[in-house]
């Protein structure tokens, strides 16, 4: 049943157009990469701040600027990723590296939602230069590791059956 559903996705007109188009697949792939770059480029400075770097810079200030960029990057990467998935849905769904990538994305997004507390924590701190609590430092480091693993899995999908 799942294979039939995935095969139906592959047979949709837009998926067929992506497969046969000279530039369309490349453009969607570039959009996926831009989304990842926006996401990772925005989240790393915030994670490093949570880990204790740049303690003079308020977390709330960084978050106000970087979180919308990261969210936009994530949305672009997901939209483009779904289009890329549609081209070979059956193959990708059966790829173990792709499955690991999806789990890692879910973990990274869950971690990011939990990290929203960082802004609340910092707002309650009167003094600048206070080191974030250990749980926030660990979550910041975990975020970087998870997103790097997502990127690595994305690259490996093409090379693993």
N, C-alpha and C. Protein backbone atom coordinates (compact mmCIF):
# COMPACT_ATOMS: atom_id res chain seq x y z
N UNK A 1 0.82 -1.19 0.00
CA UNK A 1 0.00 0.00 0.00
C UNK A 1 0.87 1.27 0.00
N UNK A 2 1.89 1.30 0.89
CA UNK A 2 2.77 2.46 0.95
C UNK A 2 3.54 2.64 -0.36
N UNK A 3 4.02 1.53 -0.91
CA UNK A 3 4.76 1.60 -2.17
C UNK A 3 3.87 2.14 -3.29
N UNK A 4 2.60 1.72 -3.30
CA UNK A 4 1.67 2.23 -4.32
C UNK A 4 1.45 3.73 -4.16
N UNK A 5 1.33 4.18 -2.92
CA UNK A 5 1.14 5.60 -2.65
C UNK A 5 2.36 6.40 -3.09
N UNK A 6 3.56 5.88 -2.75
CA UNK A 6 4.80 6.56 -3.15
C UNK A 6 4.96 6.56 -4.67
N UNK A 7 4.58 5.47 -5.31
CA UNK A 7 4.65 5.41 -6.78
C UNK A 7 3.69 6.42 -7.40
N UNK A 8 2.53 6.60 -6.78
CA UNK A 8 1.58 7.60 -7.28
C UNK A 8 2.16 9.01 -7.17
N UNK A 9 2.90 9.27 -6.10
CA UNK A 9 3.56 10.57 -5.94
C UNK A 9 4.56 10.78 -7.08
N UNK A 10 5.35 9.75 -7.37
CA UNK A 10 6.33 9.85 -8.45
C UNK A 10 5.69 10.11 -9.80
N UNK A 11 4.45 9.65 -9.96
CA UNK A 11 3.77 9.78 -11.25
C UNK A 11 3.02 11.10 -11.40
N UNK A 12 3.02 11.93 -10.37
CA UNK A 12 2.35 13.22 -10.47
C UNK A 12 3.03 14.08 -11.53
N UNK A 13 2.27 14.91 -12.21
CA UNK A 13 2.84 15.71 -13.31
C UNK A 13 4.05 16.55 -12.91
N UNK A 14 4.00 17.18 -11.73
CA UNK A 14 5.14 18.03 -11.35
C UNK A 14 6.40 17.18 -11.10
N UNK A 15 6.24 15.96 -10.58
CA UNK A 15 7.39 15.08 -10.35
C UNK A 15 7.98 14.65 -11.69
N UNK A 16 7.11 14.32 -12.63
CA UNK A 16 7.58 13.94 -13.97
C UNK A 16 8.28 15.11 -14.64
N UNK A 17 7.74 16.31 -14.46
CA UNK A 17 8.36 17.49 -15.05
C UNK A 17 9.74 17.74 -14.43
N UNK A 18 9.87 17.54 -13.13
CA UNK A 18 11.19 17.71 -12.49
C UNK A 18 12.19 16.68 -13.01
N UNK A 19 11.73 15.45 -13.20
CA UNK A 19 12.62 14.40 -13.70
C UNK A 19 13.09 14.69 -15.12
N UNK A 20 12.21 15.23 -15.94
CA UNK A 20 12.55 15.40 -17.35
C UNK A 20 13.06 16.80 -17.69
N UNK A 21 12.84 17.75 -16.82
CA UNK A 21 13.27 19.11 -17.11
C UNK A 21 14.77 19.27 -17.01
N UNK A 22 15.31 20.05 -17.91
CA UNK A 22 16.76 20.25 -17.93
C UNK A 22 17.23 21.06 -16.74
N UNK A 23 16.50 22.11 -16.39
CA UNK A 23 16.95 23.01 -15.33
C UNK A 23 16.07 22.97 -14.09
N UNK A 24 14.89 22.41 -14.19
CA UNK A 24 13.96 22.47 -13.06
C UNK A 24 14.49 21.71 -11.83
N UNK A 25 15.01 20.50 -12.04
CA UNK A 25 15.54 19.74 -10.90
C UNK A 25 16.73 20.47 -10.28
N UNK A 26 17.59 21.01 -11.13
CA UNK A 26 18.76 21.75 -10.63
C UNK A 26 18.32 22.98 -9.84
N UNK A 27 17.28 23.66 -10.31
CA UNK A 27 16.80 24.85 -9.60
C UNK A 27 16.21 24.48 -8.24
N UNK A 28 15.44 23.40 -8.20
CA UNK A 28 14.86 22.95 -6.92
C UNK A 28 15.98 22.49 -5.98
N UNK A 29 16.95 21.79 -6.51
CA UNK A 29 18.08 21.34 -5.70
C UNK A 29 18.84 22.55 -5.14
N UNK A 30 19.03 23.57 -5.96
CA UNK A 30 19.70 24.80 -5.49
C UNK A 30 18.87 25.46 -4.40
N UNK A 31 17.55 25.47 -4.55
CA UNK A 31 16.69 26.01 -3.51
C UNK A 31 16.82 25.25 -2.20
N UNK A 32 16.94 23.94 -2.30
CA UNK A 32 17.14 23.10 -1.11
C UNK A 32 18.45 23.48 -0.41
N UNK A 33 19.49 23.66 -1.17
CA UNK A 33 20.79 24.03 -0.62
C UNK A 33 20.75 25.42 0.00
N UNK A 34 20.08 26.36 -0.65
CA UNK A 34 19.95 27.71 -0.08
C UNK A 34 19.20 27.65 1.24
N UNK A 35 18.14 26.85 1.29
CA UNK A 35 17.39 26.69 2.54
C UNK A 35 18.26 26.14 3.66
N UNK A 36 19.05 25.13 3.34
CA UNK A 36 19.96 24.54 4.34
C UNK A 36 20.99 25.58 4.79
N UNK A 37 21.51 26.34 3.84
CA UNK A 37 22.51 27.36 4.18
C UNK A 37 21.91 28.42 5.10
N UNK A 38 20.70 28.87 4.80
CA UNK A 38 20.05 29.85 5.66
C UNK A 38 19.81 29.27 7.06
N UNK A 39 19.31 28.06 7.11
CA UNK A 39 19.04 27.41 8.39
C UNK A 39 20.31 27.25 9.20
N UNK A 40 21.30 26.61 8.64
CA UNK A 40 22.52 26.31 9.39
C UNK A 40 23.31 27.58 9.69
N UNK A 41 23.35 28.48 8.73
CA UNK A 41 24.07 29.73 8.93
C UNK A 41 23.47 30.59 10.03
N UNK A 42 22.17 30.50 10.21
CA UNK A 42 21.51 31.28 11.26
C UNK A 42 21.56 30.58 12.61
N UNK A 43 21.50 29.27 12.59
CA UNK A 43 21.38 28.54 13.86
C UNK A 43 22.73 28.39 14.56
N UNK A 44 23.82 28.30 13.83
CA UNK A 44 25.13 28.11 14.46
C UNK A 44 25.52 29.27 15.38
N UNK A 45 25.40 30.53 14.95
CA UNK A 45 25.75 31.60 15.90
C UNK A 45 24.89 31.60 17.16
N UNK A 46 23.61 31.30 17.00
CA UNK A 46 22.73 31.24 18.17
C UNK A 46 23.12 30.08 19.08
N UNK A 47 23.43 28.93 18.50
CA UNK A 47 23.87 27.78 19.30
C UNK A 47 25.19 28.08 20.01
N UNK A 48 26.11 28.72 19.31
CA UNK A 48 27.39 29.06 19.95
C UNK A 48 27.18 30.03 21.11
N UNK A 49 26.24 30.95 20.95
CA UNK A 49 25.94 31.87 22.06
C UNK A 49 25.37 31.09 23.25
N UNK A 50 24.52 30.12 22.96
CA UNK A 50 23.97 29.28 24.03
C UNK A 50 25.06 28.47 24.72
N UNK A 51 26.11 28.17 23.98
CA UNK A 51 27.22 27.40 24.55
C UNK A 51 28.17 28.28 25.34
N UNK A 52 27.96 29.60 25.32
CA UNK A 52 28.76 30.48 26.15
C UNK A 52 29.61 31.48 25.40
N UNK A 53 29.60 31.42 24.08
CA UNK A 53 30.37 32.41 23.30
C UNK A 53 29.64 33.75 23.31
N UNK A 54 30.37 34.82 23.16
CA UNK A 54 29.83 36.17 23.02
C UNK A 54 28.82 36.50 24.12
N UNK A 55 29.22 36.28 25.37
CA UNK A 55 28.28 36.49 26.49
C UNK A 55 27.81 37.93 26.63
N UNK A 56 28.49 38.87 26.02
CA UNK A 56 28.04 40.26 26.09
C UNK A 56 26.84 40.51 25.16
N UNK A 57 26.62 39.60 24.21
CA UNK A 57 25.50 39.75 23.28
C UNK A 57 24.29 39.02 23.85
N UNK A 58 23.20 39.73 24.07
CA UNK A 58 22.01 39.07 24.62
C UNK A 58 21.46 37.99 23.67
N UNK A 59 21.11 36.86 24.23
CA UNK A 59 20.54 35.78 23.42
C UNK A 59 19.28 36.26 22.71
N UNK A 60 18.48 37.05 23.42
CA UNK A 60 17.23 37.54 22.83
C UNK A 60 17.50 38.36 21.58
N UNK A 61 18.56 39.16 21.58
CA UNK A 61 18.90 39.97 20.41
C UNK A 61 19.25 39.07 19.22
N UNK A 62 20.09 38.07 19.46
CA UNK A 62 20.44 37.14 18.38
C UNK A 62 19.21 36.39 17.90
N UNK A 63 18.43 35.90 18.83
CA UNK A 63 17.25 35.11 18.47
C UNK A 63 16.26 35.92 17.65
N UNK A 64 16.07 37.17 17.99
CA UNK A 64 15.12 38.02 17.26
C UNK A 64 15.52 38.15 15.79
N UNK A 65 16.81 38.15 15.53
CA UNK A 65 17.30 38.29 14.16
C UNK A 65 17.44 36.93 13.46
N UNK A 66 18.02 35.96 14.16
CA UNK A 66 18.41 34.70 13.52
C UNK A 66 17.30 33.66 13.44
N UNK A 67 16.42 33.62 14.41
CA UNK A 67 15.37 32.59 14.38
C UNK A 67 14.47 32.72 13.15
N UNK A 68 14.01 33.93 12.78
CA UNK A 68 13.20 34.00 11.55
C UNK A 68 13.96 33.56 10.29
N UNK A 69 15.26 33.84 10.25
CA UNK A 69 16.06 33.39 9.11
C UNK A 69 16.16 31.87 9.10
N UNK A 70 16.39 31.28 10.27
CA UNK A 70 16.47 29.82 10.37
C UNK A 70 15.15 29.17 10.00
N UNK A 71 14.05 29.73 10.47
CA UNK A 71 12.73 29.17 10.14
C UNK A 71 12.46 29.28 8.64
N UNK A 72 12.79 30.41 8.05
CA UNK A 72 12.61 30.57 6.59
C UNK A 72 13.47 29.56 5.84
N UNK A 73 14.70 29.37 6.29
CA UNK A 73 15.57 28.38 5.67
C UNK A 73 15.02 26.97 5.80
N UNK A 74 14.50 26.64 6.98
CA UNK A 74 13.92 25.32 7.20
C UNK A 74 12.71 25.11 6.28
N UNK A 75 11.85 26.12 6.18
CA UNK A 75 10.66 26.00 5.32
C UNK A 75 11.05 25.83 3.85
N UNK A 76 12.05 26.59 3.40
CA UNK A 76 12.52 26.46 2.03
C UNK A 76 13.14 25.08 1.80
N UNK A 77 13.95 24.62 2.75
CA UNK A 77 14.58 23.29 2.61
C UNK A 77 13.53 22.18 2.60
N UNK A 78 12.50 22.31 3.43
CA UNK A 78 11.45 21.29 3.46
C UNK A 78 10.65 21.30 2.15
N UNK A 79 10.25 22.49 1.70
CA UNK A 79 9.48 22.57 0.45
C UNK A 79 10.27 22.00 -0.72
N UNK A 80 11.51 22.43 -0.86
CA UNK A 80 12.34 21.92 -1.96
C UNK A 80 12.63 20.44 -1.76
N UNK A 81 12.86 20.03 -0.52
CA UNK A 81 13.12 18.62 -0.23
C UNK A 81 11.95 17.72 -0.61
N UNK A 82 10.73 18.19 -0.34
CA UNK A 82 9.56 17.40 -0.74
C UNK A 82 9.47 17.26 -2.25
N UNK A 83 9.79 18.34 -2.96
CA UNK A 83 9.81 18.25 -4.42
C UNK A 83 10.88 17.28 -4.90
N UNK A 84 12.06 17.34 -4.32
CA UNK A 84 13.13 16.41 -4.69
C UNK A 84 12.74 14.98 -4.37
N UNK A 85 12.09 14.78 -3.22
CA UNK A 85 11.63 13.45 -2.83
C UNK A 85 10.64 12.89 -3.85
N UNK A 86 9.77 13.74 -4.36
CA UNK A 86 8.72 13.29 -5.28
C UNK A 86 9.27 12.66 -6.55
N UNK A 87 10.47 13.03 -6.93
CA UNK A 87 11.07 12.52 -8.16
C UNK A 87 11.36 11.02 -8.06
N UNK A 88 11.79 10.56 -6.90
CA UNK A 88 12.13 9.15 -6.68
C UNK A 88 11.61 8.70 -5.30
N UNK A 89 10.34 8.90 -5.06
CA UNK A 89 9.76 8.65 -3.74
C UNK A 89 9.96 7.22 -3.25
N UNK A 90 9.75 6.25 -4.10
CA UNK A 90 9.89 4.85 -3.70
C UNK A 90 11.34 4.56 -3.32
N UNK A 91 12.25 5.00 -4.15
CA UNK A 91 13.68 4.76 -3.90
C UNK A 91 14.14 5.44 -2.62
N UNK A 92 13.79 6.73 -2.45
CA UNK A 92 14.23 7.46 -1.27
C UNK A 92 13.62 6.91 0.01
N UNK A 93 12.35 6.54 -0.04
CA UNK A 93 11.69 6.02 1.16
C UNK A 93 12.34 4.73 1.65
N UNK A 94 12.91 3.97 0.73
CA UNK A 94 13.58 2.73 1.10
C UNK A 94 15.05 2.89 1.43
N UNK A 95 15.57 4.10 1.31
CA UNK A 95 16.98 4.36 1.56
C UNK A 95 17.20 4.58 3.06
N UNK A 96 18.05 3.75 3.67
CA UNK A 96 18.28 3.83 5.12
C UNK A 96 18.86 5.19 5.54
N UNK A 97 19.72 5.76 4.71
CA UNK A 97 20.31 7.06 5.05
C UNK A 97 19.23 8.15 5.02
N UNK A 98 18.32 8.06 4.07
CA UNK A 98 17.21 9.02 4.02
C UNK A 98 16.34 8.89 5.27
N UNK A 99 16.09 7.68 5.69
CA UNK A 99 15.29 7.45 6.90
C UNK A 99 15.98 8.03 8.13
N UNK A 100 17.29 7.84 8.22
CA UNK A 100 18.06 8.42 9.33
C UNK A 100 17.99 9.94 9.27
N UNK A 101 18.08 10.49 8.06
CA UNK A 101 18.00 11.94 7.90
C UNK A 101 16.68 12.48 8.44
N UNK A 102 15.58 11.81 8.13
CA UNK A 102 14.28 12.26 8.63
C UNK A 102 14.20 12.23 10.15
N UNK A 103 14.75 11.18 10.74
CA UNK A 103 14.77 11.09 12.22
C UNK A 103 15.62 12.22 12.80
N UNK A 104 16.77 12.47 12.20
CA UNK A 104 17.64 13.54 12.68
C UNK A 104 16.98 14.91 12.55
N UNK A 105 16.25 15.14 11.45
CA UNK A 105 15.53 16.40 11.30
C UNK A 105 14.49 16.55 12.40
N UNK A 106 13.75 15.48 12.68
CA UNK A 106 12.75 15.54 13.74
C UNK A 106 13.40 15.84 15.09
N UNK A 107 14.53 15.22 15.37
CA UNK A 107 15.24 15.48 16.63
C UNK A 107 15.77 16.91 16.68
N UNK A 108 16.30 17.40 15.57
CA UNK A 108 16.85 18.76 15.54
C UNK A 108 15.75 19.80 15.71
N UNK A 109 14.61 19.58 15.08
CA UNK A 109 13.48 20.51 15.23
C UNK A 109 12.95 20.47 16.67
N UNK A 110 12.84 19.26 17.24
CA UNK A 110 12.38 19.15 18.64
C UNK A 110 13.35 19.86 19.57
N UNK A 111 14.63 19.70 19.34
CA UNK A 111 15.64 20.39 20.15
C UNK A 111 15.50 21.90 20.00
N UNK A 112 15.26 22.37 18.79
CA UNK A 112 15.09 23.82 18.56
C UNK A 112 13.88 24.35 19.31
N UNK A 113 12.80 23.59 19.31
CA UNK A 113 11.61 24.03 20.04
C UNK A 113 11.89 24.09 21.54
N UNK A 114 12.66 23.15 22.04
CA UNK A 114 13.02 23.18 23.45
C UNK A 114 13.96 24.35 23.76
N UNK A 115 14.78 24.71 22.79
CA UNK A 115 15.72 25.82 22.99
C UNK A 115 15.04 27.18 23.04
N UNK A 116 13.78 27.23 22.66
CA UNK A 116 13.06 28.51 22.77
C UNK A 116 13.06 29.01 24.20
N UNK A 117 13.22 28.08 25.14
CA UNK A 117 13.30 28.47 26.54
C UNK A 117 14.53 29.31 26.83
N UNK A 118 15.53 29.22 25.98
CA UNK A 118 16.76 29.99 26.19
C UNK A 118 16.47 31.48 26.23
N UNK A 119 15.61 31.93 25.35
CA UNK A 119 15.27 33.34 25.32
C UNK A 119 14.57 33.73 26.62
N UNK A 120 13.69 32.86 27.10
CA UNK A 120 13.00 33.12 28.36
C UNK A 120 14.00 33.13 29.51
N UNK A 121 14.96 32.20 29.50
CA UNK A 121 15.95 32.14 30.58
C UNK A 121 16.75 33.43 30.61
N UNK A 122 17.20 33.86 29.43
CA UNK A 122 18.06 35.03 29.38
C UNK A 122 17.33 36.30 29.81
N UNK A 123 16.05 36.37 29.49
CA UNK A 123 15.27 37.55 29.87
C UNK A 123 15.20 37.68 31.38
N UNK A 124 15.33 36.55 32.08
CA UNK A 124 15.25 36.60 33.54
C UNK A 124 16.61 36.91 34.19
N UNK A 125 17.68 36.97 33.42
CA UNK A 125 19.01 37.23 33.96
C UNK A 125 19.28 38.73 33.99
N UNK A 126 19.63 39.23 35.15
CA UNK A 126 19.88 40.67 35.29
C UNK A 126 21.26 41.05 34.78
N UNK A 127 22.25 40.22 35.01
CA UNK A 127 23.63 40.56 34.67
C UNK A 127 23.98 40.03 33.28
N UNK A 128 24.75 40.84 32.53
CA UNK A 128 25.26 40.34 31.27
C UNK A 128 26.50 39.50 31.56
N UNK A 129 26.86 38.67 30.66
CA UNK A 129 28.04 37.85 30.84
C UNK A 129 27.80 36.58 31.64
N UNK A 130 26.55 36.31 32.00
CA UNK A 130 26.23 35.10 32.76
C UNK A 130 26.29 33.90 31.82
N UNK A 131 26.97 32.85 32.26
CA UNK A 131 27.06 31.63 31.47
C UNK A 131 25.70 30.93 31.49
N UNK A 132 25.19 30.52 30.31
CA UNK A 132 23.91 29.80 30.28
C UNK A 132 24.00 28.50 31.09
N UNK A 133 22.87 28.02 31.57
CA UNK A 133 22.88 26.75 32.30
C UNK A 133 23.39 25.60 31.44
N UNK A 134 23.88 24.56 32.08
CA UNK A 134 24.46 23.42 31.37
C UNK A 134 23.50 22.83 30.35
N UNK A 135 22.23 22.70 30.70
CA UNK A 135 21.27 22.09 29.77
C UNK A 135 21.16 22.89 28.47
N UNK A 136 21.27 24.22 28.56
CA UNK A 136 21.22 25.04 27.35
C UNK A 136 22.51 24.92 26.55
N UNK A 137 23.64 24.85 27.24
CA UNK A 137 24.91 24.68 26.53
C UNK A 137 24.94 23.34 25.80
N UNK A 138 24.45 22.30 26.46
CA UNK A 138 24.41 20.98 25.83
C UNK A 138 23.44 20.99 24.65
N UNK A 139 22.28 21.62 24.81
CA UNK A 139 21.31 21.68 23.72
C UNK A 139 21.86 22.45 22.52
N UNK A 140 22.61 23.52 22.78
CA UNK A 140 23.23 24.27 21.69
C UNK A 140 24.23 23.42 20.93
N UNK A 141 25.06 22.70 21.65
CA UNK A 141 26.03 21.80 21.00
C UNK A 141 25.33 20.67 20.25
N UNK A 142 24.29 20.12 20.86
CA UNK A 142 23.52 19.05 20.22
C UNK A 142 22.88 19.55 18.93
N UNK A 143 22.41 20.77 18.93
CA UNK A 143 21.80 21.35 17.74
C UNK A 143 22.80 21.37 16.58
N UNK A 144 24.00 21.85 16.84
CA UNK A 144 25.01 21.90 15.79
C UNK A 144 25.32 20.49 15.27
N UNK A 145 25.49 19.54 16.18
CA UNK A 145 25.79 18.16 15.78
C UNK A 145 24.65 17.56 14.96
N UNK A 146 23.41 17.77 15.42
CA UNK A 146 22.26 17.21 14.70
C UNK A 146 22.14 17.79 13.29
N UNK A 147 22.25 19.11 13.16
CA UNK A 147 22.12 19.71 11.82
C UNK A 147 23.28 19.31 10.92
N UNK A 148 24.49 19.19 11.47
CA UNK A 148 25.61 18.69 10.66
C UNK A 148 25.35 17.26 10.19
N UNK A 149 24.79 16.44 11.06
CA UNK A 149 24.46 15.06 10.69
C UNK A 149 23.38 15.03 9.61
N UNK A 150 22.39 15.92 9.70
CA UNK A 150 21.37 16.01 8.66
C UNK A 150 22.01 16.35 7.31
N UNK A 151 22.90 17.32 7.32
CA UNK A 151 23.59 17.71 6.09
C UNK A 151 24.42 16.56 5.53
N UNK A 152 25.14 15.87 6.41
CA UNK A 152 25.96 14.74 5.97
C UNK A 152 25.08 13.63 5.38
N UNK A 153 23.98 13.33 6.03
CA UNK A 153 23.07 12.30 5.50
C UNK A 153 22.52 12.72 4.14
N UNK A 154 22.17 13.98 4.01
CA UNK A 154 21.66 14.47 2.73
C UNK A 154 22.65 14.25 1.60
N UNK A 155 23.91 14.47 1.88
CA UNK A 155 24.93 14.25 0.86
C UNK A 155 25.13 12.77 0.57
N UNK A 156 25.00 11.94 1.60
CA UNK A 156 25.26 10.50 1.45
C UNK A 156 24.12 9.75 0.76
N UNK A 157 22.93 10.32 0.72
CA UNK A 157 21.78 9.63 0.13
C UNK A 157 22.08 9.19 -1.31
N UNK A 158 22.74 10.02 -2.05
CA UNK A 158 23.04 9.70 -3.45
C UNK A 158 24.04 8.55 -3.61
N UNK A 159 24.80 8.27 -2.55
CA UNK A 159 25.87 7.30 -2.65
C UNK A 159 25.56 5.97 -1.96
N UNK A 160 24.41 5.87 -1.29
CA UNK A 160 24.04 4.66 -0.55
C UNK A 160 22.71 4.17 -1.08
N UNK A 161 22.62 2.89 -1.32
CA UNK A 161 21.35 2.31 -1.81
C UNK A 161 20.51 1.82 -0.67
